[in-house]
Amino acid sequence: MKTKLTLTMDETVIEQAKAYAKEQGRSLSAIFENYVKAVSRSERDKLTTEEFSPIVKRLTGSLNLPKNFDYKNAVSEAINEKYSQ
């Protein structure tokens, strides 16, 4: 079900958003809806590649990491390696 939403924002931001939507050939409502879905933890896993920009679509699958990959540990190890010399 679609429901109307009224937002109050800086006029400059609104104009920039309208220009961006026009460049993308999409409605401002669709862009805002996809943005909220992308940042929403509950919806993040449900997004399809159709909702991402062309750049993100091209990058999809280019990096294959194990499911148990620990990003924080990898960063910590890289920092330790860099500065322990």
PDB file of N, CA and C in Angstrom:
ATOM      1  N   MET A   1       0.837  -1.176   0.000  1.00  0.00           N
ATOM      2  CA  MET A   1       0.000   0.000   0.000  1.00  0.00           C
ATOM      3  C   MET A   1       0.888   1.248   0.000  1.00  0.00           C
ATOM      4  N   LYS A   2       0.575   2.164  -0.866  1.00  0.00           N
ATOM      5  CA  LYS A   2       1.318   3.417  -0.944  1.00  0.00           C
ATOM      6  C   LYS A   2       0.599   4.474  -0.107  1.00  0.00           C
ATOM      7  N   THR A   3       1.372   5.270   0.624  1.00  0.00           N
ATOM      8  CA  THR A   3       0.847   6.339   1.456  1.00  0.00           C
ATOM      9  C   THR A   3       1.637   7.599   1.187  1.00  0.00           C
ATOM     10  N   LYS A   4       0.960   8.726   1.177  1.00  0.00           N
ATOM     11  CA  LYS A   4       1.619   9.998   0.923  1.00  0.00           C
ATOM     12  C   LYS A   4       2.409  10.438   2.156  1.00  0.00           C
ATOM     13  N   LEU A   5       3.594  11.027   1.907  1.00  0.00           N
ATOM     14  CA  LEU A   5       4.464  11.516   2.969  1.00  0.00           C
ATOM     15  C   LEU A   5       4.897  12.926   2.613  1.00  0.00           C
ATOM     16  N   THR A   6       4.809  13.831   3.556  1.00  0.00           N
ATOM     17  CA  THR A   6       5.269  15.200   3.347  1.00  0.00           C
ATOM     18  C   THR A   6       6.519  15.416   4.177  1.00  0.00           C
ATOM     19  N   LEU A   7       7.578  15.898   3.529  1.00  0.00           N
ATOM     20  CA  LEU A   7       8.840  16.154   4.207  1.00  0.00           C
ATOM     21  C   LEU A   7       9.172  17.633   4.122  1.00  0.00           C
ATOM     22  N   THR A   8       9.836  18.140   5.134  1.00  0.00           N
ATOM     23  CA  THR A   8      10.316  19.516   5.133  1.00  0.00           C
ATOM     24  C   THR A   8      11.831  19.473   5.096  1.00  0.00           C
ATOM     25  N   MET A   9      12.401  20.110   4.055  1.00  0.00           N
ATOM     26  CA  MET A   9      13.856  20.114   3.877  1.00  0.00           C
ATOM     27  C   MET A   9      14.302  21.462   3.356  1.00  0.00           C
ATOM     28  N   ASP A  10      15.605  21.661   3.413  1.00  0.00           N
ATOM     29  CA  ASP A  10      16.211  22.850   2.839  1.00  0.00           C
ATOM     30  C   ASP A  10      15.875  22.899   1.345  1.00  0.00           C
ATOM     31  N   GLU A  11      15.521  24.069   0.856  1.00  0.00           N
ATOM     32  CA  GLU A  11      15.110  24.231  -0.537  1.00  0.00           C
ATOM     33  C   GLU A  11      16.195  23.773  -1.514  1.00  0.00           C
ATOM     34  N   THR A  12      17.444  24.041  -1.179  1.00  0.00           N
ATOM     35  CA  THR A  12      18.553  23.636  -2.047  1.00  0.00           C
ATOM     36  C   THR A  12      18.619  22.118  -2.162  1.00  0.00           C
ATOM     37  N   VAL A  13      18.422  21.428  -1.064  1.00  0.00           N
ATOM     38  CA  VAL A  13      18.444  19.964  -1.068  1.00  0.00           C
ATOM     39  C   VAL A  13      17.311  19.424  -1.935  1.00  0.00           C
ATOM     40  N   ILE A  14      16.159  20.028  -1.834  1.00  0.00           N
ATOM     41  CA  ILE A  14      15.011  19.601  -2.630  1.00  0.00           C
ATOM     42  C   ILE A  14      15.303  19.763  -4.118  1.00  0.00           C
ATOM     43  N   GLU A  15      15.859  20.901  -4.501  1.00  0.00           N
ATOM     44  CA  GLU A  15      16.183  21.143  -5.909  1.00  0.00           C
ATOM     45  C   GLU A  15      17.233  20.155  -6.405  1.00  0.00           C
ATOM     46  N   GLN A  16      18.230  19.873  -5.575  1.00  0.00           N
ATOM     47  CA  GLN A  16      19.258  18.896  -5.956  1.00  0.00           C
ATOM     48  C   GLN A  16      18.644  17.506  -6.120  1.00  0.00           C
ATOM     49  N   ALA A  17      17.759  17.147  -5.222  1.00  0.00           N
ATOM     50  CA  ALA A  17      17.109  15.838  -5.287  1.00  0.00           C
ATOM     51  C   ALA A  17      16.248  15.718  -6.541  1.00  0.00           C
ATOM     52  N   LYS A  18      15.523  16.773  -6.873  1.00  0.00           N
ATOM     53  CA  LYS A  18      14.695  16.765  -8.080  1.00  0.00           C
ATOM     54  C   LYS A  18      15.559  16.640  -9.328  1.00  0.00           C
ATOM     55  N   ALA A  19      16.671  17.360  -9.354  1.00  0.00           N
ATOM     56  CA  ALA A  19      17.579  17.296 -10.504  1.00  0.00           C
ATOM     57  C   ALA A  19      18.159  15.889 -10.636  1.00  0.00           C
ATOM     58  N   TYR A  20      18.547  15.299  -9.522  1.00  0.00           N
ATOM     59  CA  TYR A  20      19.097  13.940  -9.543  1.00  0.00           C
ATOM     60  C   TYR A  20      18.054  12.948 -10.054  1.00  0.00           C
ATOM     61  N   ALA A  21      16.839  13.066  -9.553  1.00  0.00           N
ATOM     62  CA  ALA A  21      15.766  12.162  -9.982  1.00  0.00           C
ATOM     63  C   ALA A  21      15.527  12.289 -11.484  1.00  0.00           C
ATOM     64  N   LYS A  22      15.538  13.506 -11.974  1.00  0.00           N
ATOM     65  CA  LYS A  22      15.330  13.734 -13.407  1.00  0.00           C
ATOM     66  C   LYS A  22      16.459  13.107 -14.221  1.00  0.00           C
ATOM     67  N   GLU A  23      17.705  13.279 -13.760  1.00  0.00           N
ATOM     68  CA  GLU A  23      18.862  12.685 -14.448  1.00  0.00           C
ATOM     69  C   GLU A  23      18.751  11.163 -14.499  1.00  0.00           C
ATOM     70  N   GLN A  24      18.236  10.575 -13.437  1.00  0.00           N
ATOM     71  CA  GLN A  24      18.120   9.118 -13.341  1.00  0.00           C
ATOM     72  C   GLN A  24      16.878   8.582 -14.049  1.00  0.00           C
ATOM     73  N   GLY A  25      15.980   9.489 -14.428  1.00  0.00           N
ATOM     74  CA  GLY A  25      14.739   9.059 -15.075  1.00  0.00           C
ATOM     75  C   GLY A  25      13.811   8.329 -14.123  1.00  0.00           C
ATOM     76  N   ARG A  26      13.853   8.723 -12.849  1.00  0.00           N
ATOM     77  CA  ARG A  26      13.040   8.088 -11.820  1.00  0.00           C
ATOM     78  C   ARG A  26      12.337   9.158 -11.005  1.00  0.00           C
ATOM     79  N   SER A  27      11.305   8.742 -10.301  1.00  0.00           N
ATOM     80  CA  SER A  27      10.600   9.696  -9.450  1.00  0.00           C
ATOM     81  C   SER A  27      11.375   9.907  -8.161  1.00  0.00           C
ATOM     82  N   LEU A  28      11.188  11.070  -7.579  1.00  0.00           N
ATOM     83  CA  LEU A  28      11.823  11.374  -6.299  1.00  0.00           C
ATOM     84  C   LEU A  28      11.316  10.409  -5.225  1.00  0.00           C
ATOM     85  N   SER A  29      10.056  10.046  -5.298  1.00  0.00           N
ATOM     86  CA  SER A  29       9.494   9.082  -4.343  1.00  0.00           C
ATOM     87  C   SER A  29      10.198   7.733  -4.437  1.00  0.00           C
ATOM     88  N   ALA A  30      10.448   7.255  -5.655  1.00  0.00           N
ATOM     89  CA  ALA A  30      11.117   5.962  -5.837  1.00  0.00           C
ATOM     90  C   ALA A  30      12.544   6.012  -5.316  1.00  0.00           C
ATOM     91  N   ILE A  31      13.238   7.103  -5.576  1.00  0.00           N
ATOM     92  CA  ILE A  31      14.616   7.243  -5.101  1.00  0.00           C
ATOM     93  C   ILE A  31      14.652   7.275  -3.579  1.00  0.00           C
ATOM     94  N   PHE A  32      13.763   8.046  -2.967  1.00  0.00           N
ATOM     95  CA  PHE A  32      13.726   8.133  -1.506  1.00  0.00           C
ATOM     96  C   PHE A  32      13.350   6.779  -0.892  1.00  0.00           C
ATOM     97  N   GLU A  33      12.387   6.110  -1.486  1.00  0.00           N
ATOM     98  CA  GLU A  33      11.972   4.804  -0.969  1.00  0.00           C
ATOM     99  C   GLU A  33      13.127   3.807  -1.017  1.00  0.00           C
ATOM    100  N   ASN A  34      13.846   3.769  -2.126  1.00  0.00           N
ATOM    101  CA  ASN A  34      14.983   2.853  -2.239  1.00  0.00           C
ATOM    102  C   ASN A  34      16.094   3.220  -1.269  1.00  0.00           C
ATOM    103  N   TYR A  35      16.293   4.505  -1.032  1.00  0.00           N
ATOM    104  CA  TYR A  35      17.309   4.936  -0.068  1.00  0.00           C
ATOM    105  C   TYR A  35      16.952   4.442   1.335  1.00  0.00           C
ATOM    106  N   VAL A  36      15.712   4.626   1.723  1.00  0.00           N
ATOM    107  CA  VAL A  36      15.287   4.200   3.061  1.00  0.00           C
ATOM    108  C   VAL A  36      15.421   2.683   3.196  1.00  0.00           C
ATOM    109  N   LYS A  37      15.069   1.947   2.152  1.00  0.00           N
ATOM    110  CA  LYS A  37      15.228   0.491   2.192  1.00  0.00           C
ATOM    111  C   LYS A  37      16.691   0.105   2.350  1.00  0.00           C
ATOM    112  N   ALA A  38      17.558   0.825   1.654  1.00  0.00           N
ATOM    113  CA  ALA A  38      18.987   0.501   1.693  1.00  0.00           C
ATOM    114  C   ALA A  38      19.584   0.722   3.071  1.00  0.00           C
ATOM    115  N   VAL A  39      19.129   1.739   3.779  1.00  0.00           N
ATOM    116  CA  VAL A  39      19.700   2.035   5.089  1.00  0.00           C
ATOM    117  C   VAL A  39      18.956   1.344   6.226  1.00  0.00           C
ATOM    118  N   SER A  40      17.832   0.781   5.924  1.00  0.00           N
ATOM    119  CA  SER A  40      17.046   0.094   6.947  1.00  0.00           C
ATOM    120  C   SER A  40      17.603  -1.304   7.179  1.00  0.00           C
ATOM    121  N   ARG A  41      17.973  -1.588   8.392  1.00  0.00           N
ATOM    122  CA  ARG A  41      18.543  -2.907   8.704  1.00  0.00           C
ATOM    123  C   ARG A  41      17.577  -4.036   8.363  1.00  0.00           C
ATOM    124  N   SER A  42      16.310  -3.835   8.581  1.00  0.00           N
ATOM    125  CA  SER A  42      15.356  -4.917   8.350  1.00  0.00           C
ATOM    126  C   SER A  42      15.143  -5.197   6.871  1.00  0.00           C
ATOM    127  N   GLU A  43      15.382  -4.214   6.020  1.00  0.00           N
ATOM    128  CA  GLU A  43      15.173  -4.395   4.588  1.00  0.00           C
ATOM    129  C   GLU A  43      16.460  -4.663   3.823  1.00  0.00           C
ATOM    130  N   ARG A  44      17.611  -4.415   4.431  1.00  0.00           N
ATOM    131  CA  ARG A  44      18.888  -4.487   3.716  1.00  0.00           C
ATOM    132  C   ARG A  44      19.079  -5.818   2.994  1.00  0.00           C
ATOM    133  N   ASP A  45      18.737  -6.917   3.634  1.00  0.00           N
ATOM    134  CA  ASP A  45      18.958  -8.227   3.029  1.00  0.00           C
ATOM    135  C   ASP A  45      17.937  -8.563   1.945  1.00  0.00           C
ATOM    136  N   LYS A  46      16.859  -7.813   1.872  1.00  0.00           N
ATOM    137  CA  LYS A  46      15.813  -8.102   0.899  1.00  0.00           C
ATOM    138  C   LYS A  46      16.001  -7.358  -0.423  1.00  0.00           C
ATOM    139  N   LEU A  47      16.945  -6.433  -0.490  1.00  0.00           N
ATOM    140  CA  LEU A  47      17.140  -5.648  -1.699  1.00  0.00           C
ATOM    141  C   LEU A  47      17.607  -6.532  -2.846  1.00  0.00           C
ATOM    142  N   THR A  48      17.118  -6.226  -4.031  1.00  0.00           N
ATOM    143  CA  THR A  48      17.579  -6.941  -5.221  1.00  0.00           C
ATOM    144  C   THR A  48      18.562  -6.056  -5.958  1.00  0.00           C
ATOM    145  N   THR A  49      19.306  -6.643  -6.866  1.00  0.00           N
ATOM    146  CA  THR A  49      20.292  -5.854  -7.605  1.00  0.00           C
ATOM    147  C   THR A  49      19.627  -4.803  -8.479  1.00  0.00           C
ATOM    148  N   GLU A  50      18.336  -4.950  -8.783  1.00  0.00           N
ATOM    149  CA  GLU A  50      17.629  -3.960  -9.585  1.00  0.00           C
ATOM    150  C   GLU A  50      17.528  -2.620  -8.868  1.00  0.00           C
ATOM    151  N   GLU A  51      17.630  -2.604  -7.560  1.00  0.00           N
ATOM    152  CA  GLU A  51      17.474  -1.383  -6.785  1.00  0.00           C
ATOM    153  C   GLU A  51      18.786  -0.646  -6.584  1.00  0.00           C
ATOM    154  N   PHE A  52      19.891  -1.192  -7.096  1.00  0.00           N
ATOM    155  CA  PHE A  52      21.187  -0.558  -6.944  1.00  0.00           C
ATOM    156  C   PHE A  52      21.567   0.201  -8.208  1.00  0.00           C
ATOM    157  N   SER A  53      22.474   1.148  -8.067  1.00  0.00           N
ATOM    158  CA  SER A  53      22.942   1.923  -9.211  1.00  0.00           C
ATOM    159  C   SER A  53      23.735   1.023 -10.156  1.00  0.00           C
ATOM    160  N   PRO A  54      23.899   1.437 -11.413  1.00  0.00           N
ATOM    161  CA  PRO A  54      24.663   0.633 -12.376  1.00  0.00           C
ATOM    162  C   PRO A  54      26.093   0.335 -11.916  1.00  0.00           C
ATOM    163  N   ILE A  55      26.719   1.274 -11.233  1.00  0.00           N
ATOM    164  CA  ILE A  55      28.088   1.059 -10.752  1.00  0.00           C
ATOM    165  C   ILE A  55      28.112  -0.073  -9.735  1.00  0.00           C
ATOM    166  N   VAL A  56      27.175  -0.060  -8.799  1.00  0.00           N
ATOM    167  CA  VAL A  56      27.118  -1.109  -7.779  1.00  0.00           C
ATOM    168  C   VAL A  56      26.802  -2.455  -8.434  1.00  0.00           C
ATOM    169  N   LYS A  57      25.909  -2.461  -9.423  1.00  0.00           N
ATOM    170  CA  LYS A  57      25.581  -3.708 -10.115  1.00  0.00           C
ATOM    171  C   LYS A  57      26.815  -4.316 -10.771  1.00  0.00           C
ATOM    172  N   ARG A  58      27.651  -3.467 -11.399  1.00  0.00           N
ATOM    173  CA  ARG A  58      28.859  -3.969 -12.059  1.00  0.00           C
ATOM    174  C   ARG A  58      29.842  -4.552 -11.048  1.00  0.00           C
ATOM    175  N   LEU A  59      29.858  -4.015  -9.842  1.00  0.00           N
ATOM    176  CA  LEU A  59      30.790  -4.484  -8.818  1.00  0.00           C
ATOM    177  C   LEU A  59      30.297  -5.734  -8.088  1.00  0.00           C
ATOM    178  N   THR A  60      29.015  -6.037  -8.208  1.00  0.00           N
ATOM    179  CA  THR A  60      28.444  -7.176  -7.505  1.00  0.00           C
ATOM    180  C   THR A  60      29.164  -8.457  -7.906  1.00  0.00           C
ATOM    181  N   GLY A  61      29.625  -9.186  -6.921  1.00  0.00           N
ATOM    182  CA  GLY A  61      30.300 -10.451  -7.157  1.00  0.00           C
ATOM    183  C   GLY A  61      31.785 -10.336  -7.436  1.00  0.00           C
ATOM    184  N   SER A  62      32.310  -9.124  -7.491  1.00  0.00           N
ATOM    185  CA  SER A  62      33.731  -8.960  -7.805  1.00  0.00           C
ATOM    186  C   SER A  62      34.627  -9.280  -6.615  1.00  0.00           C
ATOM    187  N   LEU A  63      34.072  -9.329  -5.442  1.00  0.00           N
ATOM    188  CA  LEU A  63      34.842  -9.637  -4.240  1.00  0.00           C
ATOM    189  C   LEU A  63      34.176 -10.815  -3.535  1.00  0.00           C
ATOM    190  N   ASN A  64      34.895 -11.908  -3.453  1.00  0.00           N
ATOM    191  CA  ASN A  64      34.353 -13.106  -2.800  1.00  0.00           C
ATOM    192  C   ASN A  64      35.081 -13.337  -1.486  1.00  0.00           C
ATOM    193  N   LEU A  65      34.380 -13.128  -0.399  1.00  0.00           N
ATOM    194  CA  LEU A  65      34.942 -13.330   0.935  1.00  0.00           C
ATOM    195  C   LEU A  65      34.222 -14.490   1.605  1.00  0.00           C
ATOM    196  N   PRO A  66      34.908 -15.210   2.477  1.00  0.00           N
ATOM    197  CA  PRO A  66      34.235 -16.279   3.207  1.00  0.00           C
ATOM    198  C   PRO A  66      33.132 -15.713   4.104  1.00  0.00           C
ATOM    199  N   LYS A  67      32.129 -16.510   4.362  1.00  0.00           N
ATOM    200  CA  LYS A  67      31.005 -16.052   5.186  1.00  0.00           C
ATOM    201  C   LYS A  67      31.439 -15.638   6.585  1.00  0.00           C
ATOM    202  N   ASN A  68      32.501 -16.240   7.094  1.00  0.00           N
ATOM    203  CA  ASN A  68      32.962 -15.916   8.443  1.00  0.00           C
ATOM    204  C   ASN A  68      34.062 -14.855   8.434  1.00  0.00           C
ATOM    205  N   PHE A  69      34.200 -14.092   7.341  1.00  0.00           N
ATOM    206  CA  PHE A  69      35.233 -13.060   7.229  1.00  0.00           C
ATOM    207  C   PHE A  69      35.031 -12.001   8.310  1.00  0.00           C
ATOM    208  N   ASP A  70      36.090 -11.713   9.045  1.00  0.00           N
ATOM    209  CA  ASP A  70      36.046 -10.726  10.126  1.00  0.00           C
ATOM    210  C   ASP A  70      36.732  -9.448   9.654  1.00  0.00           C
ATOM    211  N   TYR A  71      35.941  -8.494   9.197  1.00  0.00           N
ATOM    212  CA  TYR A  71      36.465  -7.248   8.640  1.00  0.00           C
ATOM    213  C   TYR A  71      37.309  -6.492   9.664  1.00  0.00           C
ATOM    214  N   LYS A  72      36.810  -6.376  10.880  1.00  0.00           N
ATOM    215  CA  LYS A  72      37.548  -5.635  11.914  1.00  0.00           C
ATOM    216  C   LYS A  72      38.905  -6.282  12.189  1.00  0.00           C
ATOM    217  N   ASN A  73      38.940  -7.593  12.220  1.00  0.00           N
ATOM    218  CA  ASN A  73      40.194  -8.303  12.441  1.00  0.00           C
ATOM    219  C   ASN A  73      41.151  -8.081  11.270  1.00  0.00           C
ATOM    220  N   ALA A  74      40.638  -8.105  10.047  1.00  0.00           N
ATOM    221  CA  ALA A  74      41.478  -7.892   8.867  1.00  0.00           C
ATOM    222  C   ALA A  74      42.078  -6.491   8.871  1.00  0.00           C
ATOM    223  N   VAL A  75      41.286  -5.503   9.235  1.00  0.00           N
ATOM    224  CA  VAL A  75      41.781  -4.124   9.309  1.00  0.00           C
ATOM    225  C   VAL A  75      42.836  -4.018  10.399  1.00  0.00           C
ATOM    226  N   SER A  76      42.566  -4.607  11.543  1.00  0.00           N
ATOM    227  CA  SER A  76      43.514  -4.576  12.652  1.00  0.00           C
ATOM    228  C   SER A  76      44.848  -5.216  12.261  1.00  0.00           C
ATOM    229  N   GLU A  77      44.790  -6.361  11.594  1.00  0.00           N
ATOM    230  CA  GLU A  77      46.013  -7.032  11.151  1.00  0.00           C
ATOM    231  C   GLU A  77      46.778  -6.183  10.143  1.00  0.00           C
ATOM    232  N   ALA A  78      46.066  -5.543   9.220  1.00  0.00           N
ATOM    233  CA  ALA A  78      46.721  -4.701   8.215  1.00  0.00           C
ATOM    234  C   ALA A  78      47.406  -3.507   8.867  1.00  0.00           C
ATOM    235  N   ILE A  79      46.755  -2.904   9.840  1.00  0.00           N
ATOM    236  CA  ILE A  79      47.343  -1.760  10.552  1.00  0.00           C
ATOM    237  C   ILE A  79      48.574  -2.210  11.333  1.00  0.00           C
ATOM    238  N   ASN A  80      48.452  -3.332  12.036  1.00  0.00           N
ATOM    239  CA  ASN A  80      49.601  -3.860  12.787  1.00  0.00           C
ATOM    240  C   ASN A  80      50.775  -4.162  11.867  1.00  0.00           C
ATOM    241  N   GLU A  81      50.495  -4.772  10.732  1.00  0.00           N
ATOM    242  CA  GLU A  81      51.555  -5.099   9.778  1.00  0.00           C
ATOM    243  C   GLU A  81      52.214  -3.837   9.231  1.00  0.00           C
ATOM    244  N   LYS A  82      51.402  -2.846   8.927  1.00  0.00           N
ATOM    245  CA  LYS A  82      51.931  -1.603   8.352  1.00  0.00           C
ATOM    246  C   LYS A  82      52.826  -0.854   9.341  1.00  0.00           C
ATOM    247  N   TYR A  83      52.408  -0.772  10.587  1.00  0.00           N
ATOM    248  CA  TYR A  83      53.116   0.064  11.552  1.00  0.00           C
ATOM    249  C   TYR A  83      54.089  -0.692  12.467  1.00  0.00           C
ATOM    250  N   SER A  84      54.175  -2.006  12.334  1.00  0.00           N
ATOM    251  CA  SER A  84      55.090  -2.752  13.199  1.00  0.00           C
ATOM    252  C   SER A  84      56.478  -2.917  12.584  1.00  0.00           C
ATOM    253  N   GLN A  85      56.675  -2.368  11.422  1.00  0.00           N
ATOM    254  CA  GLN A  85      57.977  -2.508  10.743  1.00  0.00           C
ATOM    255  C   GLN A  85      59.002  -1.575  11.289  1.00  0.00           C
TER     256      GLN A  85
END
